[in-house]
């Protein structure tokens, strides 16, 4: 599958998508290990709200990899469809505007997903 820059839709190539998948996996591992640590320390359920941070890492990586769109690149007006570190600048102001809109939407979706998952973990009865 070849990737091409599509304003507001796709600003990542295969290597960058893989990097976002790794970020999501790291966030998931951090969440699980943090949850296990909180349970082992027998902390109050309210301490589980601290899981929002690793869940946010997971959410951002997950949503970016699924959408093939980097929110940081979108906000900066850049894209990368080649090898890692080979960043190009978006030329059109309309394209940059579409990218900023998508980046903002991804950020909001990530916050919402992280909040929902955090709430679920806080709500667990044990």
PDB file of N, CA and C in Angstrom:
ATOM      1  N   UNK A   1       0.834  -1.173   0.000  1.00  0.00           N
ATOM      2  CA  UNK A   1       0.000   0.000   0.000  1.00  0.00           C
ATOM      3  C   UNK A   1       0.882   1.241   0.000  1.00  0.00           C
ATOM      4  N   UNK A   2       0.620   2.148  -0.900  1.00  0.00           N
ATOM      5  CA  UNK A   2       1.367   3.398  -0.929  1.00  0.00           C
ATOM      6  C   UNK A   2       0.544   4.479  -0.250  1.00  0.00           C
ATOM      7  N   UNK A   3       1.230   5.352   0.417  1.00  0.00           N
ATOM      8  CA  UNK A   3       0.591   6.448   1.121  1.00  0.00           C
ATOM      9  C   UNK A   3       0.870   7.729   0.352  1.00  0.00           C
ATOM     10  N   UNK A   4      -0.117   8.599   0.295  1.00  0.00           N
ATOM     11  CA  UNK A   4       0.095   9.906  -0.312  1.00  0.00           C
ATOM     12  C   UNK A   4      -0.541  10.951   0.587  1.00  0.00           C
ATOM     13  N   UNK A   5       0.048  12.137   0.577  1.00  0.00           N
ATOM     14  CA  UNK A   5      -0.469  13.216   1.413  1.00  0.00           C
ATOM     15  C   UNK A   5      -1.850  13.621   0.918  1.00  0.00           C
ATOM     16  N   UNK A   6      -2.810  13.593   1.828  1.00  0.00           N
ATOM     17  CA  UNK A   6      -4.166  14.048   1.545  1.00  0.00           C
ATOM     18  C   UNK A   6      -4.516  15.034   2.653  1.00  0.00           C
ATOM     19  N   UNK A   7      -4.688  16.313   2.326  1.00  0.00           N
ATOM     20  CA  UNK A   7      -4.945  17.332   3.342  1.00  0.00           C
ATOM     21  C   UNK A   7      -6.096  16.950   4.277  1.00  0.00           C
ATOM     22  N   UNK A   8      -5.831  17.024   5.568  1.00  0.00           N
ATOM     23  CA  UNK A   8      -6.843  16.733   6.566  1.00  0.00           C
ATOM     24  C   UNK A   8      -7.199  15.265   6.698  1.00  0.00           C
ATOM     25  N   UNK A   9      -6.524  14.394   5.951  1.00  0.00           N
ATOM     26  CA  UNK A   9      -6.864  12.974   5.961  1.00  0.00           C
ATOM     27  C   UNK A   9      -5.663  12.072   6.218  1.00  0.00           C
ATOM     28  N   UNK A  10      -4.556  12.302   5.524  1.00  0.00           N
ATOM     29  CA  UNK A  10      -3.385  11.428   5.659  1.00  0.00           C
ATOM     30  C   UNK A  10      -2.108  12.255   5.555  1.00  0.00           C
ATOM     31  N   UNK A  11      -1.290  12.241   6.621  1.00  0.00           N
ATOM     32  CA  UNK A  11      -0.006  12.933   6.570  1.00  0.00           C
ATOM     33  C   UNK A  11       1.144  12.047   7.054  1.00  0.00           C
ATOM     34  N   UNK A  12       0.894  10.727   7.134  1.00  0.00           N
ATOM     35  CA  UNK A  12       1.908   9.784   7.603  1.00  0.00           C
ATOM     36  C   UNK A  12       2.129   8.668   6.599  1.00  0.00           C
ATOM     37  N   UNK A  13       3.395   8.275   6.471  1.00  0.00           N
ATOM     38  CA  UNK A  13       3.741   7.102   5.687  1.00  0.00           C
ATOM     39  C   UNK A  13       3.786   5.872   6.573  1.00  0.00           C
ATOM     40  N   UNK A  14       4.147   4.758   5.983  1.00  0.00           N
ATOM     41  CA  UNK A  14       4.133   3.472   6.677  1.00  0.00           C
ATOM     42  C   UNK A  14       5.025   3.466   7.923  1.00  0.00           C
ATOM     43  N   UNK A  15       6.236   3.998   7.819  1.00  0.00           N
ATOM     44  CA  UNK A  15       7.161   3.998   8.962  1.00  0.00           C
ATOM     45  C   UNK A  15       6.617   4.841  10.112  1.00  0.00           C
ATOM     46  N   UNK A  16       6.017   5.968   9.780  1.00  0.00           N
ATOM     47  CA  UNK A  16       5.455   6.837  10.818  1.00  0.00           C
ATOM     48  C   UNK A  16       4.223   6.202  11.468  1.00  0.00           C
ATOM     49  N   UNK A  17       3.419   5.501  10.681  1.00  0.00           N
ATOM     50  CA  UNK A  17       2.263   4.797  11.242  1.00  0.00           C
ATOM     51  C   UNK A  17       2.749   3.732  12.217  1.00  0.00           C
ATOM     52  N   UNK A  18       3.779   2.995  11.835  1.00  0.00           N
ATOM     53  CA  UNK A  18       4.350   1.975  12.715  1.00  0.00           C
ATOM     54  C   UNK A  18       4.849   2.610  14.016  1.00  0.00           C
ATOM     55  N   UNK A  19       5.462   3.765  13.926  1.00  0.00           N
ATOM     56  CA  UNK A  19       5.945   4.465  15.125  1.00  0.00           C
ATOM     57  C   UNK A  19       4.771   4.790  16.056  1.00  0.00           C
ATOM     58  N   UNK A  20       3.645   5.217  15.497  1.00  0.00           N
ATOM     59  CA  UNK A  20       2.465   5.533  16.313  1.00  0.00           C
ATOM     60  C   UNK A  20       1.901   4.271  16.958  1.00  0.00           C
ATOM     61  N   UNK A  21       1.982   3.142  16.261  1.00  0.00           N
ATOM     62  CA  UNK A  21       1.534   1.877  16.839  1.00  0.00           C
ATOM     63  C   UNK A  21       2.401   1.494  18.035  1.00  0.00           C
ATOM     64  N   UNK A  22       3.689   1.739  17.921  1.00  0.00           N
ATOM     65  CA  UNK A  22       4.605   1.464  19.032  1.00  0.00           C
ATOM     66  C   UNK A  22       4.280   2.372  20.218  1.00  0.00           C
ATOM     67  N   UNK A  23       3.983   3.634  19.952  1.00  0.00           N
ATOM     68  CA  UNK A  23       3.607   4.571  21.019  1.00  0.00           C
ATOM     69  C   UNK A  23       2.350   4.068  21.732  1.00  0.00           C
ATOM     70  N   UNK A  24       1.363   3.619  20.969  1.00  0.00           N
ATOM     71  CA  UNK A  24       0.137   3.086  21.568  1.00  0.00           C
ATOM     72  C   UNK A  24       0.449   1.877  22.445  1.00  0.00           C
ATOM     73  N   UNK A  25       1.307   1.007  21.969  1.00  0.00           N
ATOM     74  CA  UNK A  25       1.683  -0.180  22.734  1.00  0.00           C
ATOM     75  C   UNK A  25       2.407   0.209  24.024  1.00  0.00           C
ATOM     76  N   UNK A  26       3.293   1.187  23.945  1.00  0.00           N
ATOM     77  CA  UNK A  26       3.991   1.667  25.144  1.00  0.00           C
ATOM     78  C   UNK A  26       2.986   2.227  26.147  1.00  0.00           C
ATOM     79  N   UNK A  27       2.034   3.010  25.669  1.00  0.00           N
ATOM     80  CA  UNK A  27       0.998   3.552  26.549  1.00  0.00           C
ATOM     81  C   UNK A  27       0.180   2.457  27.212  1.00  0.00           C
ATOM     82  N   UNK A  28      -0.120   1.408  26.456  1.00  0.00           N
ATOM     83  CA  UNK A  28      -0.880   0.288  27.010  1.00  0.00           C
ATOM     84  C   UNK A  28      -0.073  -0.442  28.081  1.00  0.00           C
ATOM     85  N   UNK A  29       1.198  -0.693  27.809  1.00  0.00           N
ATOM     86  CA  UNK A  29       2.062  -1.365  28.792  1.00  0.00           C
ATOM     87  C   UNK A  29       2.202  -0.504  30.050  1.00  0.00           C
ATOM     88  N   UNK A  30       2.386   0.801  29.882  1.00  0.00           N
ATOM     89  CA  UNK A  30       2.475   1.700  31.038  1.00  0.00           C
ATOM     90  C   UNK A  30       1.182   1.692  31.847  1.00  0.00           C
ATOM     91  N   UNK A  31       0.055   1.663  31.153  1.00  0.00           N
ATOM     92  CA  UNK A  31      -1.235   1.635  31.839  1.00  0.00           C
ATOM     93  C   UNK A  31      -1.388   0.359  32.653  1.00  0.00           C
ATOM     94  N   UNK A  32      -1.096  -0.772  32.033  1.00  0.00           N
ATOM     95  CA  UNK A  32      -1.245  -2.060  32.725  1.00  0.00           C
ATOM     96  C   UNK A  32      -0.300  -2.149  33.915  1.00  0.00           C
ATOM     97  N   UNK A  33       0.951  -1.757  33.720  1.00  0.00           N
ATOM     98  CA  UNK A  33       1.911  -1.839  34.833  1.00  0.00           C
ATOM     99  C   UNK A  33       1.550  -0.855  35.946  1.00  0.00           C
ATOM    100  N   UNK A  34       1.082   0.330  35.582  1.00  0.00           N
ATOM    101  CA  UNK A  34       0.666   1.303  36.601  1.00  0.00           C
ATOM    102  C   UNK A  34      -0.546   0.795  37.371  1.00  0.00           C
ATOM    103  N   UNK A  35      -1.498   0.225  36.657  1.00  0.00           N
ATOM    104  CA  UNK A  35      -2.690  -0.324  37.308  1.00  0.00           C
ATOM    105  C   UNK A  35      -2.308  -1.436  38.276  1.00  0.00           C
ATOM    106  N   UNK A  36      -1.426  -2.320  37.829  1.00  0.00           N
ATOM    107  CA  UNK A  36      -0.984  -3.409  38.698  1.00  0.00           C
ATOM    108  C   UNK A  36      -0.251  -2.862  39.924  1.00  0.00           C
ATOM    109  N   UNK A  37       0.551  -1.823  39.729  1.00  0.00           N
ATOM    110  CA  UNK A  37       1.248  -1.207  40.854  1.00  0.00           C
ATOM    111  C   UNK A  37       0.291  -0.578  41.853  1.00  0.00           C
ATOM    112  N   UNK A  38      -0.726   0.096  41.336  1.00  0.00           N
ATOM    113  CA  UNK A  38      -1.726   0.703  42.221  1.00  0.00           C
ATOM    114  C   UNK A  38      -2.476  -0.369  43.008  1.00  0.00           C
ATOM    115  N   UNK A  39      -2.792  -1.467  42.349  1.00  0.00           N
ATOM    116  CA  UNK A  39      -3.492  -2.559  43.029  1.00  0.00           C
ATOM    117  C   UNK A  39      -2.589  -3.232  44.059  1.00  0.00           C
ATOM    118  N   UNK A  40      -1.334  -3.440  43.714  1.00  0.00           N
ATOM    119  CA  UNK A  40      -0.397  -4.082  44.642  1.00  0.00           C
ATOM    120  C   UNK A  40      -0.165  -3.220  45.880  1.00  0.00           C
ATOM    121  N   UNK A  41      -0.192  -1.905  45.698  1.00  0.00           N
ATOM    122  CA  UNK A  41       0.014  -0.987  46.820  1.00  0.00           C
ATOM    123  C   UNK A  41      -1.271  -0.758  47.607  1.00  0.00           C
ATOM    124  N   UNK A  42      -2.363  -1.363  47.141  1.00  0.00           N
ATOM    125  CA  UNK A  42      -3.662  -1.245  47.805  1.00  0.00           C
ATOM    126  C   UNK A  42      -4.067   0.219  48.000  1.00  0.00           C
ATOM    127  N   UNK A  43      -3.932   0.993  46.939  1.00  0.00           N
ATOM    128  CA  UNK A  43      -4.297   2.409  46.995  1.00  0.00           C
ATOM    129  C   UNK A  43      -5.807   2.572  46.850  1.00  0.00           C
ATOM    130  N   UNK A  44      -6.278   3.750  47.174  1.00  0.00           N
ATOM    131  CA  UNK A  44      -7.700   4.064  47.018  1.00  0.00           C
ATOM    132  C   UNK A  44      -8.052   4.108  45.535  1.00  0.00           C
ATOM    133  N   UNK A  45      -9.311   3.846  45.234  1.00  0.00           N
ATOM    134  CA  UNK A  45      -9.751   3.883  43.841  1.00  0.00           C
ATOM    135  C   UNK A  45      -9.488   5.241  43.197  1.00  0.00           C
ATOM    136  N   UNK A  46      -9.511   6.302  43.974  1.00  0.00           N
ATOM    137  CA  UNK A  46      -9.268   7.645  43.430  1.00  0.00           C
ATOM    138  C   UNK A  46      -7.873   7.762  42.823  1.00  0.00           C
ATOM    139  N   UNK A  47      -6.934   6.966  43.299  1.00  0.00           N
ATOM    140  CA  UNK A  47      -5.570   6.998  42.748  1.00  0.00           C
ATOM    141  C   UNK A  47      -5.543   6.509  41.306  1.00  0.00           C
ATOM    142  N   UNK A  48      -6.572   5.789  40.905  1.00  0.00           N
ATOM    143  CA  UNK A  48      -6.630   5.286  39.531  1.00  0.00           C
ATOM    144  C   UNK A  48      -6.797   6.407  38.505  1.00  0.00           C
ATOM    145  N   UNK A  49      -7.208   7.586  38.945  1.00  0.00           N
ATOM    146  CA  UNK A  49      -7.302   8.715  38.006  1.00  0.00           C
ATOM    147  C   UNK A  49      -5.932   9.046  37.419  1.00  0.00           C
ATOM    148  N   UNK A  50      -4.871   8.646  38.107  1.00  0.00           N
ATOM    149  CA  UNK A  50      -3.518   8.876  37.580  1.00  0.00           C
ATOM    150  C   UNK A  50      -3.259   8.056  36.316  1.00  0.00           C
ATOM    151  N   UNK A  51      -4.096   7.083  36.044  1.00  0.00           N
ATOM    152  CA  UNK A  51      -3.950   6.275  34.831  1.00  0.00           C
ATOM    153  C   UNK A  51      -4.308   7.060  33.574  1.00  0.00           C
ATOM    154  N   UNK A  52      -4.884   8.244  33.760  1.00  0.00           N
ATOM    155  CA  UNK A  52      -5.227   9.073  32.598  1.00  0.00           C
ATOM    156  C   UNK A  52      -3.986   9.366  31.751  1.00  0.00           C
ATOM    157  N   UNK A  53      -2.848   9.638  32.393  1.00  0.00           N
ATOM    158  CA  UNK A  53      -1.633   9.998  31.640  1.00  0.00           C
ATOM    159  C   UNK A  53      -1.174   8.869  30.710  1.00  0.00           C
ATOM    160  N   UNK A  54      -0.960   7.639  31.207  1.00  0.00           N
ATOM    161  CA  UNK A  54      -0.552   6.593  30.260  1.00  0.00           C
ATOM    162  C   UNK A  54      -1.665   6.229  29.274  1.00  0.00           C
ATOM    163  N   UNK A  55      -2.916   6.373  29.691  1.00  0.00           N
ATOM    164  CA  UNK A  55      -4.011   6.115  28.755  1.00  0.00           C
ATOM    165  C   UNK A  55      -4.063   7.178  27.664  1.00  0.00           C
ATOM    166  N   UNK A  56      -3.631   8.378  27.978  1.00  0.00           N
ATOM    167  CA  UNK A  56      -3.562   9.432  26.957  1.00  0.00           C
ATOM    168  C   UNK A  56      -2.475   9.093  25.937  1.00  0.00           C
ATOM    169  N   UNK A  57      -1.342   8.588  26.411  1.00  0.00           N
ATOM    170  CA  UNK A  57      -0.277   8.148  25.497  1.00  0.00           C
ATOM    171  C   UNK A  57      -0.821   7.061  24.572  1.00  0.00           C
ATOM    172  N   UNK A  58      -1.508   6.086  25.159  1.00  0.00           N
ATOM    173  CA  UNK A  58      -2.109   5.020  24.354  1.00  0.00           C
ATOM    174  C   UNK A  58      -3.098   5.591  23.339  1.00  0.00           C
ATOM    175  N   UNK A  59      -3.992   6.447  23.794  1.00  0.00           N
ATOM    176  CA  UNK A  59      -5.051   6.984  22.932  1.00  0.00           C
ATOM    177  C   UNK A  59      -4.499   7.776  21.763  1.00  0.00           C
ATOM    178  N   UNK A  60      -3.535   8.641  22.025  1.00  0.00           N
ATOM    179  CA  UNK A  60      -2.947   9.449  20.952  1.00  0.00           C
ATOM    180  C   UNK A  60      -2.274   8.541  19.921  1.00  0.00           C
ATOM    181  N   UNK A  61      -1.477   7.598  20.381  1.00  0.00           N
ATOM    182  CA  UNK A  61      -0.812   6.684  19.450  1.00  0.00           C
ATOM    183  C   UNK A  61      -1.795   5.840  18.666  1.00  0.00           C
ATOM    184  N   UNK A  62      -2.818   5.341  19.349  1.00  0.00           N
ATOM    185  CA  UNK A  62      -3.811   4.488  18.704  1.00  0.00           C
ATOM    186  C   UNK A  62      -4.590   5.250  17.633  1.00  0.00           C
ATOM    187  N   UNK A  63      -5.113   6.401  17.984  1.00  0.00           N
ATOM    188  CA  UNK A  63      -5.933   7.154  17.030  1.00  0.00           C
ATOM    189  C   UNK A  63      -5.097   7.651  15.858  1.00  0.00           C
ATOM    190  N   UNK A  64      -3.888   8.124  16.129  1.00  0.00           N
ATOM    191  CA  UNK A  64      -3.028   8.570  15.027  1.00  0.00           C
ATOM    192  C   UNK A  64      -2.707   7.420  14.077  1.00  0.00           C
ATOM    193  N   UNK A  65      -2.426   6.246  14.614  1.00  0.00           N
ATOM    194  CA  UNK A  65      -2.087   5.118  13.738  1.00  0.00           C
ATOM    195  C   UNK A  65      -3.297   4.664  12.935  1.00  0.00           C
ATOM    196  N   UNK A  66      -4.474   4.702  13.525  1.00  0.00           N
ATOM    197  CA  UNK A  66      -5.683   4.303  12.799  1.00  0.00           C
ATOM    198  C   UNK A  66      -6.036   5.298  11.695  1.00  0.00           C
ATOM    199  N   UNK A  67      -5.833   6.585  11.965  1.00  0.00           N
ATOM    200  CA  UNK A  67      -6.194   7.619  10.990  1.00  0.00           C
ATOM    201  C   UNK A  67      -5.066   7.947  10.015  1.00  0.00           C
ATOM    202  N   UNK A  68      -3.868   7.427  10.290  1.00  0.00           N
ATOM    203  CA  UNK A  68      -2.684   7.737   9.471  1.00  0.00           C
ATOM    204  C   UNK A  68      -2.449   9.247   9.410  1.00  0.00           C
ATOM    205  N   UNK A  69      -2.625   9.870  10.571  1.00  0.00           N
ATOM    206  CA  UNK A  69      -2.507  11.322  10.649  1.00  0.00           C
ATOM    207  C   UNK A  69      -1.877  11.692  11.984  1.00  0.00           C
ATOM    208  N   UNK A  70      -0.795  12.466  11.941  1.00  0.00           N
ATOM    209  CA  UNK A  70      -0.097  12.909  13.146  1.00  0.00           C
ATOM    210  C   UNK A  70      -0.625  14.273  13.560  1.00  0.00           C
ATOM    211  N   UNK A  71      -1.082  14.374  14.799  1.00  0.00           N
ATOM    212  CA  UNK A  71      -1.622  15.658  15.233  1.00  0.00           C
ATOM    213  C   UNK A  71      -0.536  16.719  15.341  1.00  0.00           C
ATOM    214  N   UNK A  72       0.671  16.358  15.749  1.00  0.00           N
ATOM    215  CA  UNK A  72       1.762  17.345  15.823  1.00  0.00           C
ATOM    216  C   UNK A  72       2.136  17.845  14.431  1.00  0.00           C
ATOM    217  N   UNK A  73       2.255  16.931  13.470  1.00  0.00           N
ATOM    218  CA  UNK A  73       2.550  17.347  12.098  1.00  0.00           C
ATOM    219  C   UNK A  73       1.431  18.231  11.569  1.00  0.00           C
ATOM    220  N   UNK A  74       0.190  17.870  11.880  1.00  0.00           N
ATOM    221  CA  UNK A  74      -0.947  18.660  11.427  1.00  0.00           C
ATOM    222  C   UNK A  74      -0.929  20.068  11.983  1.00  0.00           C
ATOM    223  N   UNK A  75      -0.563  20.200  13.250  1.00  0.00           N
ATOM    224  CA  UNK A  75      -0.501  21.532  13.861  1.00  0.00           C
ATOM    225  C   UNK A  75       0.680  22.342  13.340  1.00  0.00           C
ATOM    226  N   UNK A  76       1.771  21.663  12.966  1.00  0.00           N
ATOM    227  CA  UNK A  76       2.967  22.359  12.476  1.00  0.00           C
ATOM    228  C   UNK A  76       2.943  22.614  10.977  1.00  0.00           C
ATOM    229  N   UNK A  77       1.965  22.035  10.276  1.00  0.00           N
ATOM    230  CA  UNK A  77       1.910  22.216   8.827  1.00  0.00           C
ATOM    231  C   UNK A  77       2.950  21.399   8.090  1.00  0.00           C
ATOM    232  N   UNK A  78       3.187  20.176   8.566  1.00  0.00           N
ATOM    233  CA  UNK A  78       4.172  19.293   7.940  1.00  0.00           C
ATOM    234  C   UNK A  78       3.561  17.919   7.702  1.00  0.00           C
ATOM    235  N   UNK A  79       4.293  17.076   6.968  1.00  0.00           N
ATOM    236  CA  UNK A  79       3.897  15.689   6.771  1.00  0.00           C
ATOM    237  C   UNK A  79       5.137  14.863   6.486  1.00  0.00           C
ATOM    238  N   UNK A  80       5.011  13.535   6.627  1.00  0.00           N
ATOM    239  CA  UNK A  80       6.124  12.633   6.350  1.00  0.00           C
ATOM    240  C   UNK A  80       5.577  11.346   5.761  1.00  0.00           C
ATOM    241  N   UNK A  81       5.812  11.152   4.499  1.00  0.00           N
ATOM    242  CA  UNK A  81       5.369   9.939   3.819  1.00  0.00           C
ATOM    243  C   UNK A  81       6.526   9.010   3.493  1.00  0.00           C
ATOM    244  N   UNK A  82       7.742   9.443   3.785  1.00  0.00           N
ATOM    245  CA  UNK A  82       8.928   8.645   3.475  1.00  0.00           C
ATOM    246  C   UNK A  82       9.505   8.008   4.711  1.00  0.00           C
ATOM    247  N   UNK A  83      10.833   7.946   4.727  1.00  0.00           N
ATOM    248  CA  UNK A  83      11.511   7.344   5.869  1.00  0.00           C
ATOM    249  C   UNK A  83      11.412   8.278   7.074  1.00  0.00           C
ATOM    250  N   UNK A  84      11.652   7.723   8.250  1.00  0.00           N
ATOM    251  CA  UNK A  84      11.563   8.499   9.483  1.00  0.00           C
ATOM    252  C   UNK A  84      12.485   9.711   9.418  1.00  0.00           C
ATOM    253  N   UNK A  85      11.973  10.846   9.816  1.00  0.00           N
ATOM    254  CA  UNK A  85      12.759  12.071   9.833  1.00  0.00           C
ATOM    255  C   UNK A  85      12.744  12.859   8.541  1.00  0.00           C
ATOM    256  N   UNK A  86      12.111  12.349   7.505  1.00  0.00           N
ATOM    257  CA  UNK A  86      12.065  13.008   6.194  1.00  0.00           C
ATOM    258  C   UNK A  86      10.791  13.858   6.096  1.00  0.00           C
ATOM    259  N   UNK A  87      10.764  14.954   6.825  1.00  0.00           N
ATOM    260  CA  UNK A  87       9.562  15.784   6.959  1.00  0.00           C
ATOM    261  C   UNK A  87       9.506  16.834   5.855  1.00  0.00           C
ATOM    262  N   UNK A  88       8.300  17.016   5.309  1.00  0.00           N
ATOM    263  CA  UNK A  88       8.065  18.030   4.276  1.00  0.00           C
ATOM    264  C   UNK A  88       7.050  19.041   4.790  1.00  0.00           C
ATOM    265  N   UNK A  89       7.104  20.239   4.244  1.00  0.00           N
ATOM    266  CA  UNK A  89       6.191  21.303   4.652  1.00  0.00           C
ATOM    267  C   UNK A  89       4.988  21.343   3.718  1.00  0.00           C
ATOM    268  N   UNK A  90       3.808  21.530   4.313  1.00  0.00           N
ATOM    269  CA  UNK A  90       2.576  21.708   3.543  1.00  0.00           C
ATOM    270  C   UNK A  90       2.597  23.118   2.972  1.00  0.00           C
ATOM    271  N   UNK A  91       2.387  23.242   1.675  1.00  0.00           N
ATOM    272  CA  UNK A  91       2.507  24.535   1.001  1.00  0.00           C
ATOM    273  C   UNK A  91       1.225  25.364   1.038  1.00  0.00           C
ATOM    274  N   UNK A  92       0.102  24.752   0.828  1.00  0.00           N
ATOM    275  CA  UNK A  92      -1.163  25.465   0.686  1.00  0.00           C
ATOM    276  C   UNK A  92      -1.755  25.871   2.041  1.00  0.00           C
ATOM    277  N   UNK A  93      -2.149  27.140   2.188  1.00  0.00           N
ATOM    278  CA  UNK A  93      -2.804  27.567   3.432  1.00  0.00           C
ATOM    279  C   UNK A  93      -4.111  26.801   3.698  1.00  0.00           C
ATOM    280  N   UNK A  94      -4.834  26.467   2.640  1.00  0.00           N
ATOM    281  CA  UNK A  94      -6.075  25.709   2.813  1.00  0.00           C
ATOM    282  C   UNK A  94      -5.777  24.300   3.333  1.00  0.00           C
ATOM    283  N   UNK A  95      -4.710  23.708   2.832  1.00  0.00           N
ATOM    284  CA  UNK A  95      -4.314  22.376   3.292  1.00  0.00           C
ATOM    285  C   UNK A  95      -3.873  22.414   4.753  1.00  0.00           C
ATOM    286  N   UNK A  96      -3.131  23.457   5.128  1.00  0.00           N
ATOM    287  CA  UNK A  96      -2.700  23.596   6.524  1.00  0.00           C
ATOM    288  C   UNK A  96      -3.913  23.766   7.442  1.00  0.00           C
ATOM    289  N   UNK A  97      -4.905  24.510   6.978  1.00  0.00           N
ATOM    290  CA  UNK A  97      -6.125  24.706   7.768  1.00  0.00           C
ATOM    291  C   UNK A  97      -6.852  23.371   7.960  1.00  0.00           C
ATOM    292  N   UNK A  98      -6.968  22.585   6.903  1.00  0.00           N
ATOM    293  CA  UNK A  98      -7.609  21.266   7.002  1.00  0.00           C
ATOM    294  C   UNK A  98      -6.829  20.358   7.951  1.00  0.00           C
ATOM    295  N   UNK A  99      -5.506  20.421   7.886  1.00  0.00           N
ATOM    296  CA  UNK A  99      -4.666  19.608   8.770  1.00  0.00           C
ATOM    297  C   UNK A  99      -4.833  20.027  10.230  1.00  0.00           C
ATOM    298  N   UNK A 100      -4.888  21.326  10.492  1.00  0.00           N
ATOM    299  CA  UNK A 100      -5.077  21.807  11.869  1.00  0.00           C
ATOM    300  C   UNK A 100      -6.424  21.348  12.421  1.00  0.00           C
ATOM    301  N   UNK A 101      -7.437  21.384  11.583  1.00  0.00           N
ATOM    302  CA  UNK A 101      -8.769  20.940  12.010  1.00  0.00           C
ATOM    303  C   UNK A 101      -8.744  19.459  12.377  1.00  0.00           C
ATOM    304  N   UNK A 102      -8.129  18.640  11.540  1.00  0.00           N
ATOM    305  CA  UNK A 102      -8.033  17.205  11.815  1.00  0.00           C
ATOM    306  C   UNK A 102      -7.189  16.945  13.059  1.00  0.00           C
ATOM    307  N   UNK A 103      -6.095  17.677  13.215  1.00  0.00           N
ATOM    308  CA  UNK A 103      -5.232  17.503  14.389  1.00  0.00           C
ATOM    309  C   UNK A 103      -5.997  17.822  15.669  1.00  0.00           C
ATOM    310  N   UNK A 104      -6.771  18.885  15.650  1.00  0.00           N
ATOM    311  CA  UNK A 104      -7.568  19.256  16.817  1.00  0.00           C
ATOM    312  C   UNK A 104      -8.602  18.180  17.121  1.00  0.00           C
ATOM    313  N   UNK A 105      -9.221  17.649  16.092  1.00  0.00           N
ATOM    314  CA  UNK A 105     -10.207  16.585  16.266  1.00  0.00           C
ATOM    315  C   UNK A 105      -9.559  15.334  16.864  1.00  0.00           C
ATOM    316  N   UNK A 106      -8.376  14.983  16.392  1.00  0.00           N
ATOM    317  CA  UNK A 106      -7.661  13.819  16.936  1.00  0.00           C
ATOM    318  C   UNK A 106      -7.326  14.041  18.408  1.00  0.00           C
ATOM    319  N   UNK A 107      -6.905  15.240  18.755  1.00  0.00           N
ATOM    320  CA  UNK A 107      -6.599  15.541  20.153  1.00  0.00           C
ATOM    321  C   UNK A 107      -7.849  15.390  21.020  1.00  0.00           C
ATOM    322  N   UNK A 108      -8.962  15.921  20.559  1.00  0.00           N
ATOM    323  CA  UNK A 108     -10.213  15.811  21.318  1.00  0.00           C
ATOM    324  C   UNK A 108     -10.664  14.353  21.438  1.00  0.00           C
ATOM    325  N   UNK A 109     -10.550  13.592  20.363  1.00  0.00           N
ATOM    326  CA  UNK A 109     -10.907  12.170  20.401  1.00  0.00           C
ATOM    327  C   UNK A 109     -10.004  11.410  21.367  1.00  0.00           C
ATOM    328  N   UNK A 110      -8.731  11.758  21.387  1.00  0.00           N
ATOM    329  CA  UNK A 110      -7.780  11.090  22.277  1.00  0.00           C
ATOM    330  C   UNK A 110      -8.106  11.376  23.736  1.00  0.00           C
ATOM    331  N   UNK A 111      -8.411  12.628  24.038  1.00  0.00           N
ATOM    332  CA  UNK A 111      -8.778  12.998  25.409  1.00  0.00           C
ATOM    333  C   UNK A 111     -10.044  12.254  25.825  1.00  0.00           C
ATOM    334  N   UNK A 112     -11.028  12.222  24.945  1.00  0.00           N
ATOM    335  CA  UNK A 112     -12.284  11.536  25.254  1.00  0.00           C
ATOM    336  C   UNK A 112     -12.058  10.042  25.486  1.00  0.00           C
ATOM    337  N   UNK A 113     -11.294   9.397  24.611  1.00  0.00           N
ATOM    338  CA  UNK A 113     -11.009   7.970  24.776  1.00  0.00           C
ATOM    339  C   UNK A 113     -10.265   7.712  26.083  1.00  0.00           C
ATOM    340  N   UNK A 114      -9.269   8.522  26.382  1.00  0.00           N
ATOM    341  CA  UNK A 114      -8.505   8.349  27.622  1.00  0.00           C
ATOM    342  C   UNK A 114      -9.393   8.561  28.848  1.00  0.00           C
ATOM    343  N   UNK A 115     -10.288   9.542  28.787  1.00  0.00           N
ATOM    344  CA  UNK A 115     -11.199   9.781  29.913  1.00  0.00           C
ATOM    345  C   UNK A 115     -12.159   8.616  30.117  1.00  0.00           C
ATOM    346  N   UNK A 116     -12.722   8.103  29.038  1.00  0.00           N
ATOM    347  CA  UNK A 116     -13.650   6.972  29.143  1.00  0.00           C
ATOM    348  C   UNK A 116     -12.938   5.749  29.721  1.00  0.00           C
ATOM    349  N   UNK A 117     -11.755   5.442  29.203  1.00  0.00           N
ATOM    350  CA  UNK A 117     -11.006   4.286  29.706  1.00  0.00           C
ATOM    351  C   UNK A 117     -10.596   4.480  31.165  1.00  0.00           C
ATOM    352  N   UNK A 118     -10.193   5.698  31.517  1.00  0.00           N
ATOM    353  CA  UNK A 118      -9.836   5.988  32.909  1.00  0.00           C
ATOM    354  C   UNK A 118     -11.047   5.804  33.812  1.00  0.00           C
ATOM    355  N   UNK A 119     -12.177   6.337  33.384  1.00  0.00           N
ATOM    356  CA  UNK A 119     -13.404   6.194  34.169  1.00  0.00           C
ATOM    357  C   UNK A 119     -13.753   4.722  34.379  1.00  0.00           C
ATOM    358  N   UNK A 120     -13.599   3.920  33.329  1.00  0.00           N
ATOM    359  CA  UNK A 120     -13.881   2.487  33.464  1.00  0.00           C
ATOM    360  C   UNK A 120     -12.961   1.831  34.491  1.00  0.00           C
ATOM    361  N   UNK A 121     -11.686   2.182  34.457  1.00  0.00           N
ATOM    362  CA  UNK A 121     -10.741   1.598  35.418  1.00  0.00           C
ATOM    363  C   UNK A 121     -11.004   2.091  36.839  1.00  0.00           C
ATOM    364  N   UNK A 122     -11.396   3.352  36.982  1.00  0.00           N
ATOM    365  CA  UNK A 122     -11.727   3.887  38.307  1.00  0.00           C
ATOM    366  C   UNK A 122     -12.974   3.197  38.853  1.00  0.00           C
ATOM    367  N   UNK A 123     -13.886   2.845  37.964  1.00  0.00           N
ATOM    368  CA  UNK A 123     -15.168   2.256  38.367  1.00  0.00           C
ATOM    369  C   UNK A 123     -15.092   0.771  38.711  1.00  0.00           C
ATOM    370  N   UNK A 124     -13.983   0.122  38.391  1.00  0.00           N
ATOM    371  CA  UNK A 124     -13.872  -1.306  38.704  1.00  0.00           C
ATOM    372  C   UNK A 124     -14.038  -1.523  40.206  1.00  0.00           C
ATOM    373  N   UNK A 125     -14.766  -2.564  40.601  1.00  0.00           N
ATOM    374  CA  UNK A 125     -15.080  -2.753  42.022  1.00  0.00           C
ATOM    375  C   UNK A 125     -13.926  -3.257  42.885  1.00  0.00           C
ATOM    376  N   UNK A 126     -12.838  -3.673  42.306  1.00  0.00           N
ATOM    377  CA  UNK A 126     -11.740  -4.188  43.141  1.00  0.00           C
ATOM    378  C   UNK A 126     -10.622  -3.194  43.240  1.00  0.00           C
TER     379      UNK A 126
END
